[in-house]
């Protein structure tokens, strides 16, 4: 897909670059740990696979769709149920 640029949580408008800076500053290593410091991913959750990839690789801009199948939950990681938090 030419021109595809995914660089943020659409529901909250937080860029992955902002999230990466917060993860670096706080030592957050999972979606839930990062959500303690940055408001994102608490509505549709479509950004979670991108955030997991960002935390794993440092990448903050994506030119392709990343799904939960591409970036599954890490061993021991649990996602918040909708409405929690």
N, C-alpha and C. Protein backbone atom coordinates (compact mmCIF):
# COMPACT_ATOMS: atom_id res chain seq x y z
N UNK A 1 0.84 -1.19 0.00
CA UNK A 1 0.00 0.00 0.00
C UNK A 1 0.88 1.25 0.00
N UNK A 2 0.91 1.91 -1.09
CA UNK A 2 1.71 3.12 -1.18
C UNK A 2 1.13 4.22 -0.30
N UNK A 3 2.00 4.91 0.41
CA UNK A 3 1.56 6.04 1.20
C UNK A 3 0.98 5.73 2.56
N UNK A 4 0.92 4.48 2.94
CA UNK A 4 0.40 4.12 4.26
C UNK A 4 1.39 4.57 5.33
N UNK A 5 0.89 5.33 6.30
CA UNK A 5 1.74 5.82 7.40
C UNK A 5 0.94 5.70 8.69
N UNK A 6 1.34 4.78 9.52
CA UNK A 6 0.68 4.58 10.80
C UNK A 6 1.68 4.97 11.88
N UNK A 7 1.34 6.02 12.63
CA UNK A 7 2.31 6.55 13.59
C UNK A 7 1.71 6.94 14.93
N UNK A 8 0.43 6.51 15.18
CA UNK A 8 -0.20 6.95 16.42
C UNK A 8 -1.40 6.08 16.79
N UNK A 9 -1.81 6.22 18.03
CA UNK A 9 -3.08 5.70 18.52
C UNK A 9 -4.15 6.66 18.00
N UNK A 10 -5.05 6.18 17.19
CA UNK A 10 -6.06 7.05 16.59
C UNK A 10 -7.07 7.56 17.62
N UNK A 11 -7.41 6.75 18.59
CA UNK A 11 -8.44 7.14 19.57
C UNK A 11 -7.98 8.30 20.46
N UNK A 12 -6.69 8.31 20.82
CA UNK A 12 -6.19 9.33 21.74
C UNK A 12 -5.19 10.28 21.09
N UNK A 13 -4.80 10.03 19.84
CA UNK A 13 -3.91 10.92 19.12
C UNK A 13 -2.46 10.90 19.59
N UNK A 14 -2.08 9.93 20.40
CA UNK A 14 -0.70 9.84 20.89
C UNK A 14 0.17 9.16 19.84
N UNK A 15 1.29 9.80 19.50
CA UNK A 15 2.18 9.18 18.52
C UNK A 15 3.01 8.09 19.17
N UNK A 16 3.44 7.15 18.35
CA UNK A 16 4.32 6.10 18.86
C UNK A 16 5.66 6.68 19.29
N UNK A 17 6.08 7.78 18.67
CA UNK A 17 7.31 8.45 19.09
C UNK A 17 7.17 8.99 20.51
N UNK A 18 6.02 9.58 20.83
CA UNK A 18 5.76 10.04 22.21
C UNK A 18 5.80 8.86 23.17
N UNK A 19 5.17 7.77 22.75
CA UNK A 19 5.12 6.58 23.62
C UNK A 19 6.50 5.99 23.83
N UNK A 20 7.30 6.00 22.77
CA UNK A 20 8.66 5.46 22.89
C UNK A 20 9.47 6.30 23.86
N UNK A 21 9.34 7.62 23.78
CA UNK A 21 10.06 8.50 24.70
C UNK A 21 9.63 8.23 26.14
N UNK A 22 8.33 8.03 26.34
CA UNK A 22 7.83 7.73 27.69
C UNK A 22 8.33 6.37 28.17
N UNK A 23 8.36 5.39 27.28
CA UNK A 23 8.86 4.06 27.64
C UNK A 23 10.34 4.15 28.01
N UNK A 24 11.11 4.90 27.23
CA UNK A 24 12.53 5.06 27.53
C UNK A 24 12.73 5.75 28.88
N UNK A 25 11.91 6.76 29.15
CA UNK A 25 12.06 7.54 30.39
C UNK A 25 11.62 6.77 31.63
N UNK A 26 10.63 5.88 31.45
CA UNK A 26 10.06 5.19 32.61
C UNK A 26 10.48 3.73 32.74
N UNK A 27 11.04 3.18 31.68
CA UNK A 27 11.41 1.77 31.69
C UNK A 27 10.24 0.84 31.41
N UNK A 28 9.11 1.38 30.96
CA UNK A 28 7.94 0.55 30.64
C UNK A 28 8.30 -0.45 29.55
N UNK A 29 7.89 -1.70 29.76
CA UNK A 29 8.25 -2.75 28.81
C UNK A 29 7.05 -3.50 28.24
N UNK A 30 5.84 -3.05 28.56
CA UNK A 30 4.63 -3.69 28.03
C UNK A 30 3.58 -2.61 27.82
N UNK A 31 2.52 -2.99 27.11
CA UNK A 31 1.41 -2.06 26.88
C UNK A 31 0.87 -1.58 28.22
N UNK A 32 0.60 -2.49 29.14
CA UNK A 32 0.03 -2.10 30.43
C UNK A 32 0.96 -1.19 31.22
N UNK A 33 2.24 -1.50 31.22
CA UNK A 33 3.20 -0.65 31.94
C UNK A 33 3.24 0.74 31.33
N UNK A 34 3.20 0.82 30.00
CA UNK A 34 3.24 2.12 29.34
C UNK A 34 1.95 2.89 29.58
N UNK A 35 0.83 2.20 29.67
CA UNK A 35 -0.45 2.87 29.93
C UNK A 35 -0.49 3.51 31.32
N UNK A 36 0.40 3.14 32.20
CA UNK A 36 0.48 3.79 33.50
C UNK A 36 1.03 5.22 33.37
N UNK A 37 1.66 5.52 32.22
CA UNK A 37 2.32 6.80 32.01
C UNK A 37 1.75 7.62 30.86
N UNK A 38 1.10 6.96 29.90
CA UNK A 38 0.60 7.61 28.69
C UNK A 38 -0.83 7.12 28.42
N UNK A 39 -1.72 8.04 28.09
CA UNK A 39 -3.09 7.68 27.76
C UNK A 39 -3.16 7.25 26.29
N UNK A 40 -3.40 5.96 26.06
CA UNK A 40 -3.54 5.41 24.71
C UNK A 40 -4.18 4.03 24.82
N UNK A 41 -4.73 3.56 23.72
CA UNK A 41 -5.12 2.17 23.58
C UNK A 41 -6.20 1.67 24.52
N UNK A 42 -7.01 2.52 25.07
CA UNK A 42 -8.04 2.07 26.00
C UNK A 42 -9.43 2.08 25.39
N UNK A 43 -9.52 2.29 24.09
CA UNK A 43 -10.82 2.24 23.40
C UNK A 43 -10.82 1.04 22.45
N UNK A 44 -10.38 1.24 21.22
CA UNK A 44 -10.47 0.14 20.24
C UNK A 44 -9.34 -0.88 20.38
N UNK A 45 -8.16 -0.45 20.88
CA UNK A 45 -7.04 -1.37 21.08
C UNK A 45 -6.27 -1.74 19.83
N UNK A 46 -6.61 -1.15 18.69
CA UNK A 46 -5.90 -1.50 17.46
C UNK A 46 -4.43 -1.10 17.48
N UNK A 47 -4.07 -0.16 18.34
CA UNK A 47 -2.67 0.28 18.42
C UNK A 47 -1.80 -0.69 19.22
N UNK A 48 -2.39 -1.58 19.99
CA UNK A 48 -1.60 -2.46 20.86
C UNK A 48 -0.53 -3.25 20.12
N UNK A 49 -0.83 -3.89 18.98
CA UNK A 49 0.25 -4.60 18.27
C UNK A 49 1.38 -3.67 17.83
N UNK A 50 1.04 -2.45 17.43
CA UNK A 50 2.07 -1.48 17.03
C UNK A 50 2.92 -1.09 18.24
N UNK A 51 2.28 -0.90 19.37
CA UNK A 51 3.02 -0.54 20.58
C UNK A 51 3.92 -1.68 21.01
N UNK A 52 3.44 -2.92 20.93
CA UNK A 52 4.30 -4.06 21.26
C UNK A 52 5.51 -4.11 20.33
N UNK A 53 5.28 -3.88 19.03
CA UNK A 53 6.41 -3.86 18.09
C UNK A 53 7.34 -2.70 18.40
N UNK A 54 6.78 -1.54 18.71
CA UNK A 54 7.60 -0.37 19.05
C UNK A 54 8.47 -0.68 20.27
N UNK A 55 7.89 -1.29 21.29
CA UNK A 55 8.65 -1.61 22.49
C UNK A 55 9.74 -2.64 22.19
N UNK A 56 9.46 -3.55 21.26
CA UNK A 56 10.41 -4.60 20.92
C UNK A 56 11.53 -4.10 20.01
N UNK A 57 11.19 -3.21 19.05
CA UNK A 57 12.16 -2.84 18.02
C UNK A 57 12.58 -1.37 18.04
N UNK A 58 11.77 -0.51 18.65
CA UNK A 58 12.04 0.93 18.62
C UNK A 58 11.39 1.64 17.45
N UNK A 59 10.79 0.90 16.53
CA UNK A 59 10.14 1.49 15.36
C UNK A 59 8.93 2.31 15.79
N UNK A 60 8.76 3.51 15.22
CA UNK A 60 7.65 4.37 15.61
C UNK A 60 6.75 4.78 14.45
N UNK A 61 7.12 4.44 13.23
CA UNK A 61 6.30 4.71 12.06
C UNK A 61 6.23 3.42 11.25
N UNK A 62 5.00 3.06 10.83
CA UNK A 62 4.79 1.79 10.14
C UNK A 62 4.15 2.05 8.79
N UNK A 63 4.60 1.30 7.77
CA UNK A 63 4.04 1.45 6.43
C UNK A 63 3.19 0.25 6.04
N UNK A 64 2.83 -0.56 7.03
CA UNK A 64 1.99 -1.72 6.80
C UNK A 64 1.17 -2.00 8.07
N UNK A 65 0.10 -2.73 7.91
CA UNK A 65 -0.77 -3.07 9.03
C UNK A 65 -0.07 -4.13 9.89
N UNK A 66 -0.06 -3.91 11.20
CA UNK A 66 0.48 -4.87 12.17
C UNK A 66 -0.70 -5.35 13.00
N UNK A 67 -0.89 -6.66 13.03
CA UNK A 67 -2.03 -7.23 13.75
C UNK A 67 -1.58 -7.91 15.04
N UNK A 68 -2.55 -8.29 15.85
CA UNK A 68 -2.25 -9.03 17.08
C UNK A 68 -1.59 -10.37 16.75
N UNK A 69 -1.88 -10.90 15.59
CA UNK A 69 -1.23 -12.14 15.16
C UNK A 69 0.26 -11.90 14.86
N UNK A 70 0.56 -10.74 14.31
CA UNK A 70 1.96 -10.37 14.02
C UNK A 70 2.75 -10.10 15.30
N UNK A 71 2.10 -9.48 16.27
CA UNK A 71 2.73 -9.10 17.54
C UNK A 71 1.84 -9.57 18.71
N UNK A 72 1.85 -10.87 18.98
CA UNK A 72 0.99 -11.38 20.05
C UNK A 72 1.45 -10.91 21.43
N UNK A 73 0.56 -11.09 22.40
CA UNK A 73 0.93 -10.78 23.78
C UNK A 73 2.19 -11.54 24.13
N UNK A 74 3.05 -10.91 24.91
CA UNK A 74 4.27 -11.56 25.35
C UNK A 74 3.93 -12.54 26.46
N UNK A 75 4.78 -13.50 26.66
CA UNK A 75 4.58 -14.48 27.73
C UNK A 75 4.40 -13.73 29.06
N UNK A 76 3.31 -14.01 29.74
CA UNK A 76 3.04 -13.38 31.02
C UNK A 76 2.31 -12.05 30.92
N UNK A 77 2.18 -11.51 29.71
CA UNK A 77 1.49 -10.23 29.53
C UNK A 77 -0.01 -10.47 29.46
N UNK A 78 -0.75 -9.63 30.13
CA UNK A 78 -2.21 -9.71 30.12
C UNK A 78 -2.73 -8.34 29.75
N UNK A 79 -3.73 -8.30 28.89
CA UNK A 79 -4.33 -7.03 28.52
C UNK A 79 -5.53 -6.76 29.41
N UNK A 80 -5.75 -5.50 29.69
CA UNK A 80 -6.88 -5.04 30.48
C UNK A 80 -8.17 -5.36 29.72
N UNK A 81 -9.18 -5.82 30.44
CA UNK A 81 -10.49 -6.04 29.82
C UNK A 81 -11.09 -4.68 29.47
N UNK A 82 -11.91 -4.62 28.44
CA UNK A 82 -12.57 -3.38 28.05
C UNK A 82 -13.36 -2.85 29.23
N UNK A 83 -13.20 -1.56 29.48
CA UNK A 83 -13.92 -0.94 30.60
C UNK A 83 -13.14 -0.91 31.89
N UNK A 84 -12.06 -1.67 32.00
CA UNK A 84 -11.22 -1.65 33.20
C UNK A 84 -10.29 -0.45 33.12
N UNK A 85 -9.80 -0.05 34.29
CA UNK A 85 -8.71 0.89 34.31
C UNK A 85 -9.10 2.26 34.59
